[in-house]
Amino acid sequence: MQNEPVTPKAKKSRAAKAPRGKGAEKVKCSLLLSPENDLRLTVLAAMRGTDRSGLVNAILDDALRGVVISLRGPLADGAGGDHWGEGQGAGDAA
């Protein structure tokens, strides 16, 4: 046999996952849960075959179904910024 140099295989780059339907855009947040609720959330998510984030989103969607947000004035016109607290005067240094 001939000794041929072995070239390492190039790593395949992972393609970005395509967004799936309604819940494609998400905001990262933190929750402080009691140990009992943490365990119950984990078990229920496993029973339903979903992850904890998806389960919490489903629970909140059901709980907040009747909540409607209506903006008037500068916030409704888009002049108030993209997020709460970013409107006029927010973060301005004197």
N, C-alpha and C. Protein backbone atom coordinates (compact mmCIF):
# COMPACT_ATOMS: atom_id res chain seq x y z
N MET A 1 0.83 -1.19 0.00
CA MET A 1 0.00 0.00 0.00
C MET A 1 0.87 1.25 0.00
N GLN A 2 0.32 2.25 -0.62
CA GLN A 2 1.03 3.51 -0.65
C GLN A 2 0.56 4.38 0.50
N ASN A 3 1.46 5.14 1.04
CA ASN A 3 1.11 6.08 2.10
C ASN A 3 0.66 7.39 1.47
N GLU A 4 -0.63 7.66 1.57
CA GLU A 4 -1.16 8.90 1.04
C GLU A 4 -1.54 9.81 2.20
N PRO A 5 -1.29 11.10 2.06
CA PRO A 5 -1.68 12.00 3.15
C PRO A 5 -3.20 12.05 3.28
N VAL A 6 -3.65 12.02 4.51
CA VAL A 6 -5.08 12.06 4.78
C VAL A 6 -5.47 13.51 5.02
N THR A 7 -6.43 13.96 4.25
CA THR A 7 -6.90 15.33 4.43
C THR A 7 -8.13 15.30 5.32
N PRO A 8 -8.18 16.19 6.30
CA PRO A 8 -9.35 16.21 7.18
C PRO A 8 -10.58 16.67 6.42
N LYS A 9 -11.71 16.10 6.79
CA LYS A 9 -12.96 16.49 6.14
C LYS A 9 -13.37 17.88 6.61
N ALA A 10 -13.87 18.65 5.67
CA ALA A 10 -14.34 19.99 6.01
C ALA A 10 -15.64 19.89 6.78
N LYS A 11 -15.78 20.75 7.77
CA LYS A 11 -17.01 20.76 8.55
C LYS A 11 -18.14 21.36 7.72
N LYS A 12 -19.28 20.73 7.80
CA LYS A 12 -20.44 21.26 7.10
C LYS A 12 -21.03 22.40 7.92
N SER A 13 -21.32 23.49 7.24
CA SER A 13 -21.94 24.59 7.95
C SER A 13 -23.43 24.31 8.07
N ARG A 14 -23.99 24.66 9.18
CA ARG A 14 -25.41 24.44 9.41
C ARG A 14 -26.19 25.58 8.79
N ALA A 15 -27.18 25.22 8.04
CA ALA A 15 -28.05 26.23 7.44
C ALA A 15 -29.00 26.74 8.51
N ALA A 16 -29.35 28.01 8.41
CA ALA A 16 -30.29 28.58 9.36
C ALA A 16 -31.64 27.92 9.19
N LYS A 17 -32.29 27.63 10.30
CA LYS A 17 -33.60 27.00 10.25
C LYS A 17 -34.63 28.01 9.76
N ALA A 18 -35.51 27.54 8.92
CA ALA A 18 -36.58 28.41 8.42
C ALA A 18 -37.61 28.63 9.51
N PRO A 19 -38.13 29.85 9.64
CA PRO A 19 -39.14 30.11 10.65
C PRO A 19 -40.40 29.29 10.38
N ARG A 20 -41.01 28.82 11.46
CA ARG A 20 -42.19 27.98 11.33
C ARG A 20 -43.43 28.76 11.74
N GLY A 21 -44.24 29.10 10.78
CA GLY A 21 -45.57 29.64 11.02
C GLY A 21 -45.65 30.81 11.97
N LYS A 22 -46.65 30.75 12.86
CA LYS A 22 -47.04 31.88 13.71
C LYS A 22 -45.95 32.29 14.70
N GLY A 23 -45.31 31.36 15.36
CA GLY A 23 -44.40 31.69 16.44
C GLY A 23 -42.96 31.89 16.02
N ALA A 24 -42.72 32.33 14.80
CA ALA A 24 -41.36 32.45 14.30
C ALA A 24 -40.56 33.50 15.06
N GLU A 25 -41.14 34.65 15.34
CA GLU A 25 -40.42 35.71 16.04
C GLU A 25 -40.69 35.58 17.53
N LYS A 26 -39.62 35.49 18.31
CA LYS A 26 -39.78 35.34 19.75
C LYS A 26 -38.86 36.30 20.48
N VAL A 27 -39.23 36.61 21.70
CA VAL A 27 -38.45 37.49 22.56
C VAL A 27 -37.96 36.67 23.74
N LYS A 28 -36.68 36.77 24.04
CA LYS A 28 -36.12 36.03 25.16
C LYS A 28 -36.44 36.75 26.46
N CYS A 29 -36.93 36.01 27.45
CA CYS A 29 -37.22 36.60 28.76
C CYS A 29 -36.92 35.56 29.84
N SER A 30 -36.87 36.02 31.05
CA SER A 30 -36.61 35.15 32.19
C SER A 30 -37.80 35.14 33.12
N LEU A 31 -38.08 33.99 33.70
CA LEU A 31 -39.15 33.85 34.68
C LEU A 31 -38.59 33.23 35.94
N LEU A 32 -39.07 33.67 37.06
CA LEU A 32 -38.72 33.04 38.32
C LEU A 32 -39.88 32.15 38.74
N LEU A 33 -39.65 30.84 38.75
CA LEU A 33 -40.69 29.87 39.08
C LEU A 33 -40.37 29.19 40.40
N SER A 34 -41.42 28.76 41.08
CA SER A 34 -41.20 27.93 42.26
C SER A 34 -40.70 26.56 41.79
N PRO A 35 -40.00 25.84 42.62
CA PRO A 35 -39.51 24.52 42.22
C PRO A 35 -40.65 23.58 41.79
N GLU A 36 -41.81 23.70 42.44
CA GLU A 36 -42.95 22.84 42.09
C GLU A 36 -43.44 23.16 40.68
N ASN A 37 -43.58 24.46 40.35
CA ASN A 37 -44.04 24.83 39.01
C ASN A 37 -43.01 24.49 37.95
N ASP A 38 -41.74 24.60 38.28
CA ASP A 38 -40.68 24.23 37.36
C ASP A 38 -40.79 22.74 37.00
N LEU A 39 -40.98 21.91 38.00
CA LEU A 39 -41.11 20.47 37.77
C LEU A 39 -42.38 20.16 36.98
N ARG A 40 -43.50 20.77 37.36
CA ARG A 40 -44.75 20.53 36.65
C ARG A 40 -44.66 20.96 35.19
N LEU A 41 -44.02 22.10 34.94
CA LEU A 41 -43.84 22.58 33.59
C LEU A 41 -43.01 21.59 32.76
N THR A 42 -41.95 21.09 33.33
CA THR A 42 -41.09 20.12 32.65
C THR A 42 -41.85 18.84 32.33
N VAL A 43 -42.60 18.32 33.31
CA VAL A 43 -43.33 17.06 33.13
C VAL A 43 -44.44 17.23 32.09
N LEU A 44 -45.21 18.32 32.17
CA LEU A 44 -46.30 18.53 31.24
C LEU A 44 -45.78 18.72 29.81
N ALA A 45 -44.67 19.43 29.67
CA ALA A 45 -44.07 19.60 28.34
C ALA A 45 -43.65 18.26 27.76
N ALA A 46 -43.06 17.40 28.59
CA ALA A 46 -42.66 16.08 28.13
C ALA A 46 -43.87 15.23 27.75
N MET A 47 -44.95 15.33 28.53
CA MET A 47 -46.15 14.56 28.23
C MET A 47 -46.78 15.00 26.91
N ARG A 48 -46.70 16.30 26.61
CA ARG A 48 -47.30 16.83 25.38
C ARG A 48 -46.34 16.77 24.19
N GLY A 49 -45.11 16.35 24.43
CA GLY A 49 -44.14 16.23 23.35
C GLY A 49 -43.66 17.56 22.80
N THR A 50 -43.59 18.56 23.65
CA THR A 50 -43.12 19.88 23.24
C THR A 50 -42.03 20.34 24.21
N ASP A 51 -41.46 21.49 23.95
CA ASP A 51 -40.49 22.03 24.89
C ASP A 51 -41.18 22.98 25.86
N ARG A 52 -40.46 23.36 26.88
CA ARG A 52 -41.05 24.21 27.93
C ARG A 52 -41.46 25.57 27.36
N SER A 53 -40.67 26.11 26.46
CA SER A 53 -40.98 27.42 25.87
C SER A 53 -42.29 27.36 25.09
N GLY A 54 -42.46 26.33 24.29
CA GLY A 54 -43.69 26.18 23.53
C GLY A 54 -44.90 26.00 24.43
N LEU A 55 -44.72 25.26 25.52
CA LEU A 55 -45.82 25.05 26.47
C LEU A 55 -46.20 26.36 27.15
N VAL A 56 -45.22 27.13 27.59
CA VAL A 56 -45.51 28.42 28.24
C VAL A 56 -46.20 29.36 27.27
N ASN A 57 -45.76 29.38 26.00
CA ASN A 57 -46.42 30.22 25.00
C ASN A 57 -47.87 29.81 24.81
N ALA A 58 -48.14 28.51 24.77
CA ALA A 58 -49.52 28.03 24.61
C ALA A 58 -50.38 28.42 25.81
N ILE A 59 -49.83 28.27 27.02
CA ILE A 59 -50.56 28.63 28.24
C ILE A 59 -50.86 30.12 28.25
N LEU A 60 -49.87 30.95 27.91
CA LEU A 60 -50.07 32.40 27.89
C LEU A 60 -51.04 32.82 26.77
N ASP A 61 -50.97 32.16 25.62
CA ASP A 61 -51.93 32.48 24.55
C ASP A 61 -53.36 32.26 25.02
N ASP A 62 -53.59 31.14 25.71
CA ASP A 62 -54.93 30.86 26.22
C ASP A 62 -55.35 31.87 27.29
N ALA A 63 -54.43 32.19 28.20
CA ALA A 63 -54.75 33.09 29.30
C ALA A 63 -54.96 34.53 28.84
N LEU A 64 -54.27 34.93 27.77
CA LEU A 64 -54.31 36.33 27.32
C LEU A 64 -55.19 36.54 26.09
N ARG A 65 -56.00 35.54 25.76
CA ARG A 65 -56.82 35.62 24.55
C ARG A 65 -57.73 36.84 24.52
N GLY A 66 -58.28 37.25 25.65
CA GLY A 66 -59.21 38.37 25.69
C GLY A 66 -58.55 39.72 25.85
N VAL A 67 -57.24 39.78 25.94
CA VAL A 67 -56.54 41.04 26.14
C VAL A 67 -56.28 41.70 24.79
N VAL A 68 -56.70 42.95 24.67
CA VAL A 68 -56.50 43.71 23.43
C VAL A 68 -55.73 44.98 23.77
N ILE A 69 -54.73 45.30 22.97
CA ILE A 69 -53.94 46.51 23.19
C ILE A 69 -54.31 47.51 22.11
N SER A 70 -54.70 48.70 22.53
CA SER A 70 -55.06 49.76 21.60
C SER A 70 -54.17 50.96 21.87
N LEU A 71 -53.42 51.37 20.87
CA LEU A 71 -52.51 52.50 21.01
C LEU A 71 -53.11 53.72 20.35
N ARG A 72 -52.97 54.85 21.02
CA ARG A 72 -53.45 56.13 20.48
C ARG A 72 -52.36 57.16 20.62
N GLY A 73 -52.42 58.17 19.83
CA GLY A 73 -51.45 59.26 19.92
C GLY A 73 -50.14 58.91 19.26
N PRO A 74 -49.02 59.42 19.79
CA PRO A 74 -47.72 59.23 19.15
C PRO A 74 -47.33 57.76 19.01
N LEU A 75 -47.70 56.91 19.97
CA LEU A 75 -47.34 55.51 19.87
C LEU A 75 -48.03 54.83 18.69
N ALA A 76 -49.28 55.20 18.42
CA ALA A 76 -50.03 54.61 17.31
C ALA A 76 -49.46 55.05 15.96
N ASP A 77 -48.88 56.23 15.90
CA ASP A 77 -48.31 56.76 14.66
C ASP A 77 -46.92 56.22 14.38
N GLY A 78 -46.34 55.49 15.31
CA GLY A 78 -45.00 54.96 15.13
C GLY A 78 -43.90 55.89 15.58
N ALA A 79 -44.26 57.04 16.13
CA ALA A 79 -43.25 58.00 16.55
C ALA A 79 -42.70 57.68 17.93
N GLY A 80 -43.27 56.70 18.59
CA GLY A 80 -42.87 56.40 19.96
C GLY A 80 -41.77 55.38 20.09
N GLY A 81 -41.22 54.88 19.01
CA GLY A 81 -40.18 53.86 19.10
C GLY A 81 -40.77 52.47 18.96
N ASP A 82 -39.89 51.49 18.91
CA ASP A 82 -40.33 50.11 18.70
C ASP A 82 -40.74 49.40 19.98
N HIS A 83 -40.21 49.80 21.10
CA HIS A 83 -40.48 49.11 22.35
C HIS A 83 -41.01 50.09 23.39
N TRP A 84 -41.65 49.55 24.40
CA TRP A 84 -42.15 50.39 25.50
C TRP A 84 -40.98 51.09 26.14
N GLY A 85 -41.16 52.32 26.51
CA GLY A 85 -40.12 53.08 27.20
C GLY A 85 -39.11 53.71 26.28
N GLU A 86 -39.27 53.53 24.96
CA GLU A 86 -38.34 54.13 24.03
C GLU A 86 -38.92 55.36 23.34
N GLY A 87 -39.98 55.88 23.88
CA GLY A 87 -40.65 57.03 23.28
C GLY A 87 -39.88 58.30 23.55
N GLN A 88 -40.56 59.42 23.45
CA GLN A 88 -39.92 60.70 23.63
C GLN A 88 -39.37 60.84 25.03
N GLY A 89 -38.13 61.22 25.12
CA GLY A 89 -37.52 61.49 26.41
C GLY A 89 -36.94 60.26 27.09
N ALA A 90 -37.26 59.08 26.63
CA ALA A 90 -36.73 57.89 27.29
C ALA A 90 -35.26 57.74 26.95
N GLY A 91 -34.44 57.62 27.95
CA GLY A 91 -33.01 57.42 27.76
C GLY A 91 -32.25 58.65 27.39
N ASP A 92 -32.88 59.81 27.30
CA ASP A 92 -32.17 61.02 26.97
C ASP A 92 -31.36 61.49 28.17
N ALA A 93 -30.11 61.80 27.94
CA ALA A 93 -29.28 62.31 29.04
C ALA A 93 -29.44 63.81 29.11
N ALA A 94 -29.57 64.32 30.30
CA ALA A 94 -29.73 65.77 30.47
C ALA A 94 -28.40 66.46 30.53
